[in-house]
Amino acid sequence: MTEPAHPTSTSTSTPAPSKVKQTPLEQMGGATGLVYTMLPIVAFVLANASLGLTPAIVTACGVAVALSALRLARKEPVQPALSGLFGVAVASFVAWKTGSAKGFFLLGIWSNLVLGGVFLLSVLVRRPLAGLVWGALNGTGTAWLEDKPSRHYYDLATLALAGVFAARFVVQRWLYDEDATGRLAFAKIAMGYPLLALALLVVLWAARRSARRLRTPATPPPTTLT
Protein backbone atom coordinates (compact mmCIF):
# COMPACT_ATOMS: atom_id res chain seq x y z
CA MET A 1 0.00 0.00 0.00
CA THR A 2 1.57 3.21 -1.08
CA GLU A 3 1.45 6.23 1.12
CA PRO A 4 -0.21 9.27 -0.32
CA ALA A 5 2.28 11.67 -1.67
CA HIS A 6 2.75 14.75 0.38
CA PRO A 7 1.87 17.93 -1.45
CA THR A 8 4.91 19.72 -2.65
CA SER A 9 5.42 22.82 -0.59
CA THR A 10 5.98 25.85 -2.72
CA SER A 11 7.96 28.50 -0.93
CA THR A 12 6.56 31.90 -1.60
CA SER A 13 9.33 34.37 -1.30
CA THR A 14 8.26 37.76 -0.10
CA PRO A 15 9.82 40.43 -2.28
CA ALA A 16 12.24 42.60 -0.45
CA PRO A 17 10.88 46.03 0.18
CA SER A 18 12.18 48.50 -2.30
CA LYS A 19 14.46 51.14 -0.97
CA VAL A 20 12.60 54.39 -0.51
CA LYS A 21 14.25 57.15 -2.47
CA GLN A 22 15.01 60.21 -0.42
CA THR A 23 13.80 63.62 -1.44
CA PRO A 24 16.38 66.36 -1.95
CA LEU A 25 15.32 67.98 1.33
CA GLU A 26 15.86 64.69 3.19
CA GLN A 27 19.27 64.30 1.58
CA MET A 28 20.21 67.73 2.95
CA GLY A 29 19.27 66.71 6.49
CA GLY A 30 15.50 66.53 6.61
CA ALA A 31 13.20 68.64 8.75
CA THR A 32 15.67 68.66 11.66
CA GLY A 33 18.24 70.30 9.39
CA LEU A 34 16.68 73.69 10.11
CA VAL A 35 17.18 73.21 13.85
CA TYR A 36 20.73 71.96 13.42
CA THR A 37 21.51 74.99 11.24
CA MET A 38 19.83 77.44 13.58
CA LEU A 39 21.30 76.44 16.95
CA PRO A 40 24.98 77.38 16.34
CA ILE A 41 23.90 80.77 14.96
CA VAL A 42 21.63 81.49 17.93
CA ALA A 43 24.35 80.33 20.33
CA PHE A 44 26.87 82.64 18.66
CA VAL A 45 24.62 85.73 18.83
CA LEU A 46 23.59 85.15 22.46
CA ALA A 47 27.13 84.44 23.62
CA ASN A 48 28.49 87.46 21.76
CA ALA A 49 25.91 89.75 23.36
CA SER A 50 26.71 88.61 26.88
CA LEU A 51 30.29 87.33 26.83
CA GLY A 52 32.07 88.80 23.80
CA LEU A 53 33.42 87.61 20.48
CA THR A 54 35.90 84.94 21.51
CA PRO A 55 33.51 83.09 23.87
CA ALA A 56 30.86 83.35 21.15
CA ILE A 57 33.16 81.64 18.64
CA VAL A 58 33.98 78.87 21.13
CA THR A 59 30.29 78.42 21.97
CA ALA A 60 29.18 78.23 18.33
CA CYS A 61 31.89 75.69 17.47
CA GLY A 62 31.08 73.67 20.59
CA VAL A 63 27.38 73.52 19.71
CA ALA A 64 28.22 72.51 16.12
CA VAL A 65 30.52 69.71 17.34
CA ALA A 66 27.89 68.48 19.79
CA LEU A 67 25.19 68.45 17.08
CA SER A 68 27.48 66.59 14.69
CA ALA A 69 28.25 63.99 17.37
CA LEU A 70 24.53 63.65 18.08
CA ARG A 71 23.74 63.03 14.40
CA LEU A 72 26.48 60.44 14.16
CA ALA A 73 25.27 58.71 17.33
CA ARG A 74 21.71 58.60 15.95
CA LYS A 75 23.04 57.25 12.62
CA GLU A 76 21.62 60.17 10.72
CA PRO A 77 23.18 61.29 7.41
CA VAL A 78 26.83 62.18 7.96
CA GLN A 79 27.27 64.68 5.14
CA PRO A 80 24.94 67.41 6.51
CA ALA A 81 26.57 67.08 9.93
CA LEU A 82 30.10 67.46 8.60
CA SER A 83 29.07 70.24 6.19
CA GLY A 84 27.41 72.16 9.02
CA LEU A 85 30.45 71.74 11.27
CA PHE A 86 32.78 72.90 8.50
CA GLY A 87 30.58 75.93 7.76
CA VAL A 88 30.50 77.03 11.41
CA ALA A 89 34.27 76.54 11.71
CA VAL A 90 34.98 78.68 8.63
CA ALA A 91 32.48 81.36 9.70
CA SER A 92 34.06 81.46 13.16
CA PHE A 93 37.53 81.81 11.64
CA VAL A 94 36.38 84.76 9.51
CA ALA A 95 34.82 86.42 12.57
CA TRP A 96 38.04 85.91 14.50
CA LYS A 97 40.19 87.33 11.67
CA THR A 98 37.95 90.37 11.16
CA GLY A 99 37.54 90.93 14.89
CA SER A 100 33.83 91.56 14.41
CA ALA A 101 30.79 89.45 15.23
CA LYS A 102 29.17 90.28 11.90
CA GLY A 103 32.14 88.61 10.18
CA PHE A 104 30.55 85.31 11.23
CA PHE A 105 28.04 85.84 8.39
CA LEU A 106 30.39 87.28 5.77
CA LEU A 107 31.26 84.03 3.97
CA GLY A 108 27.60 83.04 3.68
CA ILE A 109 26.68 86.43 2.23
CA TRP A 110 29.21 86.23 -0.58
CA SER A 111 28.51 82.53 -1.15
CA ASN A 112 24.92 83.48 -1.98
CA LEU A 113 26.14 85.96 -4.59
CA VAL A 114 28.41 83.36 -6.20
CA LEU A 115 25.76 80.62 -6.18
CA GLY A 116 23.15 82.97 -7.64
CA GLY A 117 25.52 83.88 -10.45
CA VAL A 118 26.36 80.24 -11.18
CA PHE A 119 22.69 79.24 -11.34
CA LEU A 120 21.89 82.19 -13.60
CA LEU A 121 24.82 81.38 -15.87
CA SER A 122 23.66 77.77 -16.19
CA VAL A 123 20.38 79.01 -17.65
CA LEU A 124 22.19 81.21 -20.14
CA VAL A 125 24.30 78.28 -21.38
CA ARG A 126 21.18 76.04 -21.59
CA ARG A 127 22.31 73.67 -18.86
CA PRO A 128 19.97 74.64 -15.99
CA LEU A 129 21.53 73.47 -12.76
CA ALA A 130 18.20 72.61 -11.14
CA GLY A 131 17.71 69.81 -13.67
CA LEU A 132 21.31 68.60 -13.49
CA VAL A 133 21.28 68.45 -9.68
CA TRP A 134 17.85 66.82 -9.60
CA GLY A 135 18.95 64.18 -12.08
CA ALA A 136 22.12 63.47 -10.10
CA LEU A 137 20.29 63.15 -6.77
CA ASN A 138 17.47 60.98 -8.10
CA GLY A 139 19.30 59.01 -10.79
CA THR A 140 17.02 60.24 -13.58
CA GLY A 141 19.86 61.30 -15.85
CA THR A 142 19.88 64.11 -18.39
CA ALA A 143 17.48 62.89 -21.06
CA TRP A 144 15.39 65.99 -20.41
CA LEU A 145 18.10 68.11 -22.07
CA GLU A 146 16.93 66.82 -25.45
CA ASP A 147 13.36 67.95 -24.76
CA LYS A 148 12.92 71.71 -25.18
CA PRO A 149 9.81 72.12 -22.96
CA SER A 150 11.50 70.09 -20.20
CA ARG A 151 14.52 72.36 -20.41
CA HIS A 152 12.24 75.40 -20.06
CA TYR A 153 10.66 73.88 -16.93
CA TYR A 154 14.09 73.48 -15.36
CA ASP A 155 15.03 76.99 -16.51
CA LEU A 156 12.20 78.34 -14.35
CA ALA A 157 13.23 76.16 -11.41
CA THR A 158 16.84 77.30 -11.73
CA LEU A 159 15.78 80.95 -11.87
CA ALA A 160 13.72 80.41 -8.72
CA LEU A 161 16.82 79.13 -6.92
CA ALA A 162 18.90 82.01 -8.32
CA GLY A 163 16.25 84.39 -6.98
CA VAL A 164 16.56 82.88 -3.51
CA PHE A 165 20.33 83.35 -3.49
CA ALA A 166 19.98 86.91 -4.83
CA ALA A 167 17.41 87.84 -2.17
CA ARG A 168 19.63 86.43 0.57
CA PHE A 169 22.60 88.43 -0.66
CA VAL A 170 20.75 91.74 -0.97
CA VAL A 171 19.04 91.58 2.42
CA GLN A 172 21.95 90.15 4.39
CA ARG A 173 24.52 92.44 2.79
CA TRP A 174 22.38 95.43 3.72
CA LEU A 175 22.10 94.23 7.34
CA TYR A 176 25.85 93.58 7.39
CA ASP A 177 26.55 97.17 6.32
CA GLU A 178 24.13 98.37 9.03
CA ASP A 179 26.06 96.40 11.72
CA ALA A 180 22.78 94.73 12.71
CA THR A 181 24.21 91.41 13.90
CA GLY A 182 21.03 90.25 15.62
CA ARG A 183 18.80 91.00 12.65
CA LEU A 184 21.43 89.49 10.36
CA ALA A 185 21.25 86.22 12.31
CA PHE A 186 17.45 86.26 12.10
CA ALA A 187 17.57 86.93 8.36
CA LYS A 188 20.04 84.08 7.80
CA ILE A 189 17.72 81.64 9.59
CA ALA A 190 14.46 82.93 8.07
CA MET A 191 15.89 83.04 4.55
CA GLY A 192 17.59 79.66 4.87
CA TYR A 193 15.55 76.45 4.66
CA PRO A 194 12.13 78.18 4.46
CA LEU A 195 13.02 80.04 1.25
CA LEU A 196 14.87 77.04 -0.11
CA ALA A 197 11.80 74.86 0.48
CA LEU A 198 9.68 77.23 -1.64
CA ALA A 199 12.22 77.07 -4.47
CA LEU A 200 12.33 73.27 -4.21
CA LEU A 201 8.58 73.21 -4.83
CA VAL A 202 9.29 74.81 -8.21
CA VAL A 203 12.01 72.22 -8.85
CA LEU A 204 9.58 69.43 -7.98
CA TRP A 205 6.97 70.92 -10.32
CA ALA A 206 9.52 71.06 -13.14
CA ALA A 207 10.65 67.47 -12.50
CA ARG A 208 7.08 66.14 -12.59
CA ARG A 209 6.19 68.03 -15.76
CA SER A 210 9.37 66.84 -17.44
CA ALA A 211 8.89 63.23 -16.33
CA ARG A 212 5.33 63.26 -17.64
CA ARG A 213 6.53 64.47 -21.03
CA LEU A 214 9.35 61.92 -21.24
CA ARG A 215 7.01 59.05 -20.34
CA THR A 216 4.58 59.97 -23.10
CA PRO A 217 5.70 58.45 -26.43
CA ALA A 218 6.06 60.92 -29.22
CA THR A 219 3.18 60.86 -31.69
CA PRO A 220 4.45 60.11 -35.22
CA PRO A 221 3.49 62.65 -37.85
CA PRO A 222 0.45 61.67 -39.97
CA THR A 223 1.25 60.02 -43.29
CA THR A 224 -0.05 61.71 -46.38
CA LEU A 225 -1.47 59.55 -49.19
CA THR A 226 -0.23 60.42 -52.64
C-alpha atoms as a PDB file:
ATOM      1  CA  MET A   1       0.000   0.000   0.000  1.00  0.00           C
ATOM      2  CA  THR A   2       1.567   3.210  -1.084  1.00  0.00           C
ATOM      3  CA  GLU A   3       1.449   6.230   1.119  1.00  0.00           C
ATOM      4  CA  PRO A   4      -0.210   9.268  -0.324  1.00  0.00           C
ATOM      5  CA  ALA A   5       2.275  11.669  -1.672  1.00  0.00           C
ATOM      6  CA  HIS A   6       2.749  14.749   0.377  1.00  0.00           C
ATOM      7  CA  PRO A   7       1.870  17.931  -1.453  1.00  0.00           C
ATOM      8  CA  THR A   8       4.913  19.717  -2.654  1.00  0.00           C
ATOM      9  CA  SER A   9       5.416  22.823  -0.592  1.00  0.00           C
ATOM     10  CA  THR A  10       5.984  25.852  -2.718  1.00  0.00           C
ATOM     11  CA  SER A  11       7.956  28.498  -0.927  1.00  0.00           C
ATOM     12  CA  THR A  12       6.562  31.901  -1.599  1.00  0.00           C
ATOM     13  CA  SER A  13       9.331  34.373  -1.301  1.00  0.00           C
ATOM     14  CA  THR A  14       8.258  37.763  -0.100  1.00  0.00           C
ATOM     15  CA  PRO A  15       9.817  40.427  -2.285  1.00  0.00           C
ATOM     16  CA  ALA A  16      12.243  42.596  -0.453  1.00  0.00           C
ATOM     17  CA  PRO A  17      10.878  46.034   0.180  1.00  0.00           C
ATOM     18  CA  SER A  18      12.184  48.499  -2.304  1.00  0.00           C
ATOM     19  CA  LYS A  19      14.463  51.143  -0.965  1.00  0.00           C
ATOM     20  CA  VAL A  20      12.598  54.387  -0.514  1.00  0.00           C
ATOM     21  CA  LYS A  21      14.249  57.152  -2.474  1.00  0.00           C
ATOM     22  CA  GLN A  22      15.008  60.209  -0.422  1.00  0.00           C
ATOM     23  CA  THR A  23      13.801  63.620  -1.437  1.00  0.00           C
ATOM     24  CA  PRO A  24      16.379  66.362  -1.954  1.00  0.00           C
ATOM     25  CA  LEU A  25      15.317  67.983   1.332  1.00  0.00           C
ATOM     26  CA  GLU A  26      15.856  64.693   3.187  1.00  0.00           C
ATOM     27  CA  GLN A  27      19.266  64.296   1.583  1.00  0.00           C
ATOM     28  CA  MET A  28      20.207  67.727   2.951  1.00  0.00           C
ATOM     29  CA  GLY A  29      19.266  66.710   6.486  1.00  0.00           C
ATOM     30  CA  GLY A  30      15.497  66.534   6.613  1.00  0.00           C
ATOM     31  CA  ALA A  31      13.201  68.641   8.751  1.00  0.00           C
ATOM     32  CA  THR A  32      15.670  68.658  11.655  1.00  0.00           C
ATOM     33  CA  GLY A  33      18.240  70.295   9.394  1.00  0.00           C
ATOM     34  CA  LEU A  34      16.675  73.688  10.106  1.00  0.00           C
ATOM     35  CA  VAL A  35      17.178  73.206  13.854  1.00  0.00           C
ATOM     36  CA  TYR A  36      20.733  71.960  13.416  1.00  0.00           C
ATOM     37  CA  THR A  37      21.513  74.986  11.241  1.00  0.00           C
ATOM     38  CA  MET A  38      19.827  77.443  13.585  1.00  0.00           C
ATOM     39  CA  LEU A  39      21.304  76.442  16.950  1.00  0.00           C
ATOM     40  CA  PRO A  40      24.976  77.377  16.343  1.00  0.00           C
ATOM     41  CA  ILE A  41      23.897  80.767  14.959  1.00  0.00           C
ATOM     42  CA  VAL A  42      21.631  81.488  17.934  1.00  0.00           C
ATOM     43  CA  ALA A  43      24.345  80.334  20.332  1.00  0.00           C
ATOM     44  CA  PHE A  44      26.868  82.640  18.658  1.00  0.00           C
ATOM     45  CA  VAL A  45      24.622  85.730  18.829  1.00  0.00           C
ATOM     46  CA  LEU A  46      23.588  85.149  22.460  1.00  0.00           C
ATOM     47  CA  ALA A  47      27.133  84.443  23.624  1.00  0.00           C
ATOM     48  CA  ASN A  48      28.495  87.465  21.763  1.00  0.00           C
ATOM     49  CA  ALA A  49      25.906  89.752  23.360  1.00  0.00           C
ATOM     50  CA  SER A  50      26.708  88.610  26.881  1.00  0.00           C
ATOM     51  CA  LEU A  51      30.294  87.332  26.826  1.00  0.00           C
ATOM     52  CA  GLY A  52      32.066  88.803  23.798  1.00  0.00           C
ATOM     53  CA  LEU A  53      33.417  87.613  20.476  1.00  0.00           C
ATOM     54  CA  THR A  54      35.905  84.935  21.514  1.00  0.00           C
ATOM     55  CA  PRO A  55      33.508  83.091  23.867  1.00  0.00           C
ATOM     56  CA  ALA A  56      30.855  83.353  21.149  1.00  0.00           C
ATOM     57  CA  ILE A  57      33.161  81.645  18.644  1.00  0.00           C
ATOM     58  CA  VAL A  58      33.980  78.874  21.127  1.00  0.00           C
ATOM     59  CA  THR A  59      30.287  78.424  21.966  1.00  0.00           C
ATOM     60  CA  ALA A  60      29.184  78.227  18.331  1.00  0.00           C
ATOM     61  CA  CYS A  61      31.888  75.691  17.475  1.00  0.00           C
ATOM     62  CA  GLY A  62      31.075  73.668  20.592  1.00  0.00           C
ATOM     63  CA  VAL A  63      27.383  73.523  19.711  1.00  0.00           C
ATOM     64  CA  ALA A  64      28.222  72.515  16.124  1.00  0.00           C
ATOM     65  CA  VAL A  65      30.519  69.712  17.343  1.00  0.00           C
ATOM     66  CA  ALA A  66      27.885  68.483  19.790  1.00  0.00           C
ATOM     67  CA  LEU A  67      25.185  68.454  17.083  1.00  0.00           C
ATOM     68  CA  SER A  68      27.479  66.593  14.689  1.00  0.00           C
ATOM     69  CA  ALA A  69      28.247  63.992  17.369  1.00  0.00           C
ATOM     70  CA  LEU A  70      24.526  63.650  18.081  1.00  0.00           C
ATOM     71  CA  ARG A  71      23.735  63.031  14.402  1.00  0.00           C
ATOM     72  CA  LEU A  72      26.481  60.438  14.159  1.00  0.00           C
ATOM     73  CA  ALA A  73      25.266  58.707  17.333  1.00  0.00           C
ATOM     74  CA  ARG A  74      21.714  58.601  15.953  1.00  0.00           C
ATOM     75  CA  LYS A  75      23.041  57.254  12.624  1.00  0.00           C
ATOM     76  CA  GLU A  76      21.618  60.171  10.717  1.00  0.00           C
ATOM     77  CA  PRO A  77      23.182  61.288   7.407  1.00  0.00           C
ATOM     78  CA  VAL A  78      26.827  62.183   7.958  1.00  0.00           C
ATOM     79  CA  GLN A  79      27.267  64.684   5.137  1.00  0.00           C
ATOM     80  CA  PRO A  80      24.941  67.408   6.508  1.00  0.00           C
ATOM     81  CA  ALA A  81      26.571  67.075   9.931  1.00  0.00           C
ATOM     82  CA  LEU A  82      30.105  67.461   8.601  1.00  0.00           C
ATOM     83  CA  SER A  83      29.068  70.241   6.191  1.00  0.00           C
ATOM     84  CA  GLY A  84      27.408  72.164   9.024  1.00  0.00           C
ATOM     85  CA  LEU A  85      30.452  71.744  11.269  1.00  0.00           C
ATOM     86  CA  PHE A  86      32.780  72.902   8.498  1.00  0.00           C
ATOM     87  CA  GLY A  87      30.580  75.932   7.763  1.00  0.00           C
ATOM     88  CA  VAL A  88      30.501  77.031  11.408  1.00  0.00           C
ATOM     89  CA  ALA A  89      34.274  76.540  11.712  1.00  0.00           C
ATOM     90  CA  VAL A  90      34.984  78.677   8.632  1.00  0.00           C
ATOM     91  CA  ALA A  91      32.476  81.362   9.695  1.00  0.00           C
ATOM     92  CA  SER A  92      34.065  81.455  13.156  1.00  0.00           C
ATOM     93  CA  PHE A  93      37.529  81.808  11.635  1.00  0.00           C
ATOM     94  CA  VAL A  94      36.376  84.761   9.506  1.00  0.00           C
ATOM     95  CA  ALA A  95      34.817  86.421  12.565  1.00  0.00           C
ATOM     96  CA  TRP A  96      38.042  85.915  14.495  1.00  0.00           C
ATOM     97  CA  LYS A  97      40.188  87.329  11.669  1.00  0.00           C
ATOM     98  CA  THR A  98      37.950  90.368  11.159  1.00  0.00           C
ATOM     99  CA  GLY A  99      37.539  90.928  14.894  1.00  0.00           C
ATOM    100  CA  SER A 100      33.826  91.560  14.411  1.00  0.00           C
ATOM    101  CA  ALA A 101      30.787  89.450  15.227  1.00  0.00           C
ATOM    102  CA  LYS A 102      29.172  90.276  11.898  1.00  0.00           C
ATOM    103  CA  GLY A 103      32.136  88.613  10.183  1.00  0.00           C
ATOM    104  CA  PHE A 104      30.550  85.308  11.234  1.00  0.00           C
ATOM    105  CA  PHE A 105      28.038  85.840   8.394  1.00  0.00           C
ATOM    106  CA  LEU A 106      30.391  87.281   5.770  1.00  0.00           C
ATOM    107  CA  LEU A 107      31.257  84.030   3.973  1.00  0.00           C
ATOM    108  CA  GLY A 108      27.596  83.042   3.676  1.00  0.00           C
ATOM    109  CA  ILE A 109      26.683  86.429   2.230  1.00  0.00           C
ATOM    110  CA  TRP A 110      29.211  86.232  -0.581  1.00  0.00           C
ATOM    111  CA  SER A 111      28.508  82.535  -1.152  1.00  0.00           C
ATOM    112  CA  ASN A 112      24.924  83.479  -1.976  1.00  0.00           C
ATOM    113  CA  LEU A 113      26.137  85.955  -4.586  1.00  0.00           C
ATOM    114  CA  VAL A 114      28.414  83.356  -6.201  1.00  0.00           C
ATOM    115  CA  LEU A 115      25.755  80.624  -6.184  1.00  0.00           C
ATOM    116  CA  GLY A 116      23.153  82.967  -7.638  1.00  0.00           C
ATOM    117  CA  GLY A 117      25.519  83.885 -10.451  1.00  0.00           C
ATOM    118  CA  VAL A 118      26.358  80.243 -11.180  1.00  0.00           C
ATOM    119  CA  PHE A 119      22.693  79.236 -11.341  1.00  0.00           C
ATOM    120  CA  LEU A 120      21.890  82.188 -13.603  1.00  0.00           C
ATOM    121  CA  LEU A 121      24.819  81.381 -15.870  1.00  0.00           C
ATOM    122  CA  SER A 122      23.664  77.770 -16.186  1.00  0.00           C
ATOM    123  CA  VAL A 123      20.382  79.007 -17.649  1.00  0.00           C
ATOM    124  CA  LEU A 124      22.193  81.210 -20.141  1.00  0.00           C
ATOM    125  CA  VAL A 125      24.303  78.281 -21.377  1.00  0.00           C
ATOM    126  CA  ARG A 126      21.183  76.038 -21.592  1.00  0.00           C
ATOM    127  CA  ARG A 127      22.314  73.671 -18.859  1.00  0.00           C
ATOM    128  CA  PRO A 128      19.969  74.645 -15.994  1.00  0.00           C
ATOM    129  CA  LEU A 129      21.530  73.465 -12.756  1.00  0.00           C
ATOM    130  CA  ALA A 130      18.203  72.615 -11.136  1.00  0.00           C
ATOM    131  CA  GLY A 131      17.711  69.814 -13.665  1.00  0.00           C
ATOM    132  CA  LEU A 132      21.306  68.597 -13.495  1.00  0.00           C
ATOM    133  CA  VAL A 133      21.282  68.452  -9.683  1.00  0.00           C
ATOM    134  CA  TRP A 134      17.845  66.817  -9.600  1.00  0.00           C
ATOM    135  CA  GLY A 135      18.952  64.178 -12.084  1.00  0.00           C
ATOM    136  CA  ALA A 136      22.123  63.472 -10.098  1.00  0.00           C
ATOM    137  CA  LEU A 137      20.290  63.151  -6.769  1.00  0.00           C
ATOM    138  CA  ASN A 138      17.474  60.985  -8.103  1.00  0.00           C
ATOM    139  CA  GLY A 139      19.295  59.012 -10.795  1.00  0.00           C
ATOM    140  CA  THR A 140      17.015  60.237 -13.583  1.00  0.00           C
ATOM    141  CA  GLY A 141      19.863  61.295 -15.854  1.00  0.00           C
ATOM    142  CA  THR A 142      19.882  64.114 -18.390  1.00  0.00           C
ATOM    143  CA  ALA A 143      17.480  62.887 -21.059  1.00  0.00           C
ATOM    144  CA  TRP A 144      15.391  65.994 -20.410  1.00  0.00           C
ATOM    145  CA  LEU A 145      18.098  68.109 -22.071  1.00  0.00           C
ATOM    146  CA  GLU A 146      16.930  66.818 -25.454  1.00  0.00           C
ATOM    147  CA  ASP A 147      13.360  67.949 -24.756  1.00  0.00           C
ATOM    148  CA  LYS A 148      12.925  71.706 -25.182  1.00  0.00           C
ATOM    149  CA  PRO A 149       9.811  72.124 -22.957  1.00  0.00           C
ATOM    150  CA  SER A 150      11.503  70.095 -20.204  1.00  0.00           C
ATOM    151  CA  ARG A 151      14.519  72.355 -20.408  1.00  0.00           C
ATOM    152  CA  HIS A 152      12.238  75.396 -20.064  1.00  0.00           C
ATOM    153  CA  TYR A 153      10.662  73.876 -16.932  1.00  0.00           C
ATOM    154  CA  TYR A 154      14.088  73.485 -15.359  1.00  0.00           C
ATOM    155  CA  ASP A 155      15.026  76.993 -16.507  1.00  0.00           C
ATOM    156  CA  LEU A 156      12.202  78.342 -14.353  1.00  0.00           C
ATOM    157  CA  ALA A 157      13.230  76.160 -11.413  1.00  0.00           C
ATOM    158  CA  THR A 158      16.844  77.300 -11.732  1.00  0.00           C
ATOM    159  CA  LEU A 159      15.775  80.951 -11.875  1.00  0.00           C
ATOM    160  CA  ALA A 160      13.717  80.407  -8.719  1.00  0.00           C
ATOM    161  CA  LEU A 161      16.821  79.131  -6.921  1.00  0.00           C
ATOM    162  CA  ALA A 162      18.899  82.013  -8.319  1.00  0.00           C
ATOM    163  CA  GLY A 163      16.247  84.393  -6.982  1.00  0.00           C
ATOM    164  CA  VAL A 164      16.556  82.879  -3.514  1.00  0.00           C
ATOM    165  CA  PHE A 165      20.329  83.348  -3.493  1.00  0.00           C
ATOM    166  CA  ALA A 166      19.982  86.908  -4.827  1.00  0.00           C
ATOM    167  CA  ALA A 167      17.410  87.841  -2.170  1.00  0.00           C
ATOM    168  CA  ARG A 168      19.627  86.431   0.565  1.00  0.00           C
ATOM    169  CA  PHE A 169      22.598  88.429  -0.661  1.00  0.00           C
ATOM    170  CA  VAL A 170      20.748  91.737  -0.975  1.00  0.00           C
ATOM    171  CA  VAL A 171      19.043  91.580   2.424  1.00  0.00           C
ATOM    172  CA  GLN A 172      21.950  90.150   4.395  1.00  0.00           C
ATOM    173  CA  ARG A 173      24.522  92.435   2.792  1.00  0.00           C
ATOM    174  CA  TRP A 174      22.383  95.429   3.722  1.00  0.00           C
ATOM    175  CA  LEU A 175      22.099  94.235   7.341  1.00  0.00           C
ATOM    176  CA  TYR A 176      25.847  93.581   7.385  1.00  0.00           C
ATOM    177  CA  ASP A 177      26.546  97.167   6.323  1.00  0.00           C
ATOM    178  CA  GLU A 178      24.133  98.366   9.034  1.00  0.00           C
ATOM    179  CA  ASP A 179      26.061  96.402  11.716  1.00  0.00           C
ATOM    180  CA  ALA A 180      22.776  94.731  12.708  1.00  0.00           C
ATOM    181  CA  THR A 181      24.212  91.411  13.901  1.00  0.00           C
ATOM    182  CA  GLY A 182      21.027  90.253  15.624  1.00  0.00           C
ATOM    183  CA  ARG A 183      18.803  90.996  12.648  1.00  0.00           C
ATOM    184  CA  LEU A 184      21.426  89.490  10.364  1.00  0.00           C
ATOM    185  CA  ALA A 185      21.250  86.224  12.310  1.00  0.00           C
ATOM    186  CA  PHE A 186      17.453  86.257  12.101  1.00  0.00           C
ATOM    187  CA  ALA A 187      17.572  86.925   8.356  1.00  0.00           C
ATOM    188  CA  LYS A 188      20.041  84.082   7.805  1.00  0.00           C
ATOM    189  CA  ILE A 189      17.719  81.639   9.586  1.00  0.00           C
ATOM    190  CA  ALA A 190      14.463  82.928   8.070  1.00  0.00           C
ATOM    191  CA  MET A 191      15.891  83.037   4.553  1.00  0.00           C
ATOM    192  CA  GLY A 192      17.590  79.656   4.870  1.00  0.00           C
ATOM    193  CA  TYR A 193      15.555  76.454   4.656  1.00  0.00           C
ATOM    194  CA  PRO A 194      12.127  78.176   4.455  1.00  0.00           C
ATOM    195  CA  LEU A 195      13.017  80.044   1.248  1.00  0.00           C
ATOM    196  CA  LEU A 196      14.867  77.037  -0.107  1.00  0.00           C
ATOM    197  CA  ALA A 197      11.795  74.860   0.479  1.00  0.00           C
ATOM    198  CA  LEU A 198       9.683  77.229  -1.636  1.00  0.00           C
ATOM    199  CA  ALA A 199      12.217  77.068  -4.467  1.00  0.00           C
ATOM    200  CA  LEU A 200      12.329  73.268  -4.208  1.00  0.00           C
ATOM    201  CA  LEU A 201       8.577  73.210  -4.832  1.00  0.00           C
ATOM    202  CA  VAL A 202       9.288  74.815  -8.208  1.00  0.00           C
ATOM    203  CA  VAL A 203      12.008  72.222  -8.855  1.00  0.00           C
ATOM    204  CA  LEU A 204       9.580  69.428  -7.978  1.00  0.00           C
ATOM    205  CA  TRP A 205       6.973  70.917 -10.318  1.00  0.00           C
ATOM    206  CA  ALA A 206       9.522  71.061 -13.140  1.00  0.00           C
ATOM    207  CA  ALA A 207      10.646  67.473 -12.501  1.00  0.00           C
ATOM    208  CA  ARG A 208       7.084  66.141 -12.595  1.00  0.00           C
ATOM    209  CA  ARG A 209       6.193  68.035 -15.757  1.00  0.00           C
ATOM    210  CA  SER A 210       9.366  66.845 -17.436  1.00  0.00           C
ATOM    211  CA  ALA A 211       8.887  63.230 -16.333  1.00  0.00           C
ATOM    212  CA  ARG A 212       5.328  63.263 -17.644  1.00  0.00           C
ATOM    213  CA  ARG A 213       6.534  64.469 -21.030  1.00  0.00           C
ATOM    214  CA  LEU A 214       9.348  61.923 -21.244  1.00  0.00           C
ATOM    215  CA  ARG A 215       7.015  59.050 -20.336  1.00  0.00           C
ATOM    216  CA  THR A 216       4.581  59.965 -23.098  1.00  0.00           C
ATOM    217  CA  PRO A 217       5.696  58.452 -26.425  1.00  0.00           C
ATOM    218  CA  ALA A 218       6.065  60.915 -29.221  1.00  0.00           C
ATOM    219  CA  THR A 219       3.183  60.863 -31.691  1.00  0.00           C
ATOM    220  CA  PRO A 220       4.447  60.109 -35.216  1.00  0.00           C
ATOM    221  CA  PRO A 221       3.489  62.646 -37.853  1.00  0.00           C
ATOM    222  CA  PRO A 222       0.452  61.670 -39.967  1.00  0.00           C
ATOM    223  CA  THR A 223       1.249  60.024 -43.294  1.00  0.00           C
ATOM    224  CA  THR A 224      -0.049  61.713 -46.381  1.00  0.00           C
ATOM    225  CA  LEU A 225      -1.467  59.553 -49.191  1.00  0.00           C
ATOM    226  CA  THR A 226      -0.231  60.417 -52.644  1.00  0.00           C
END
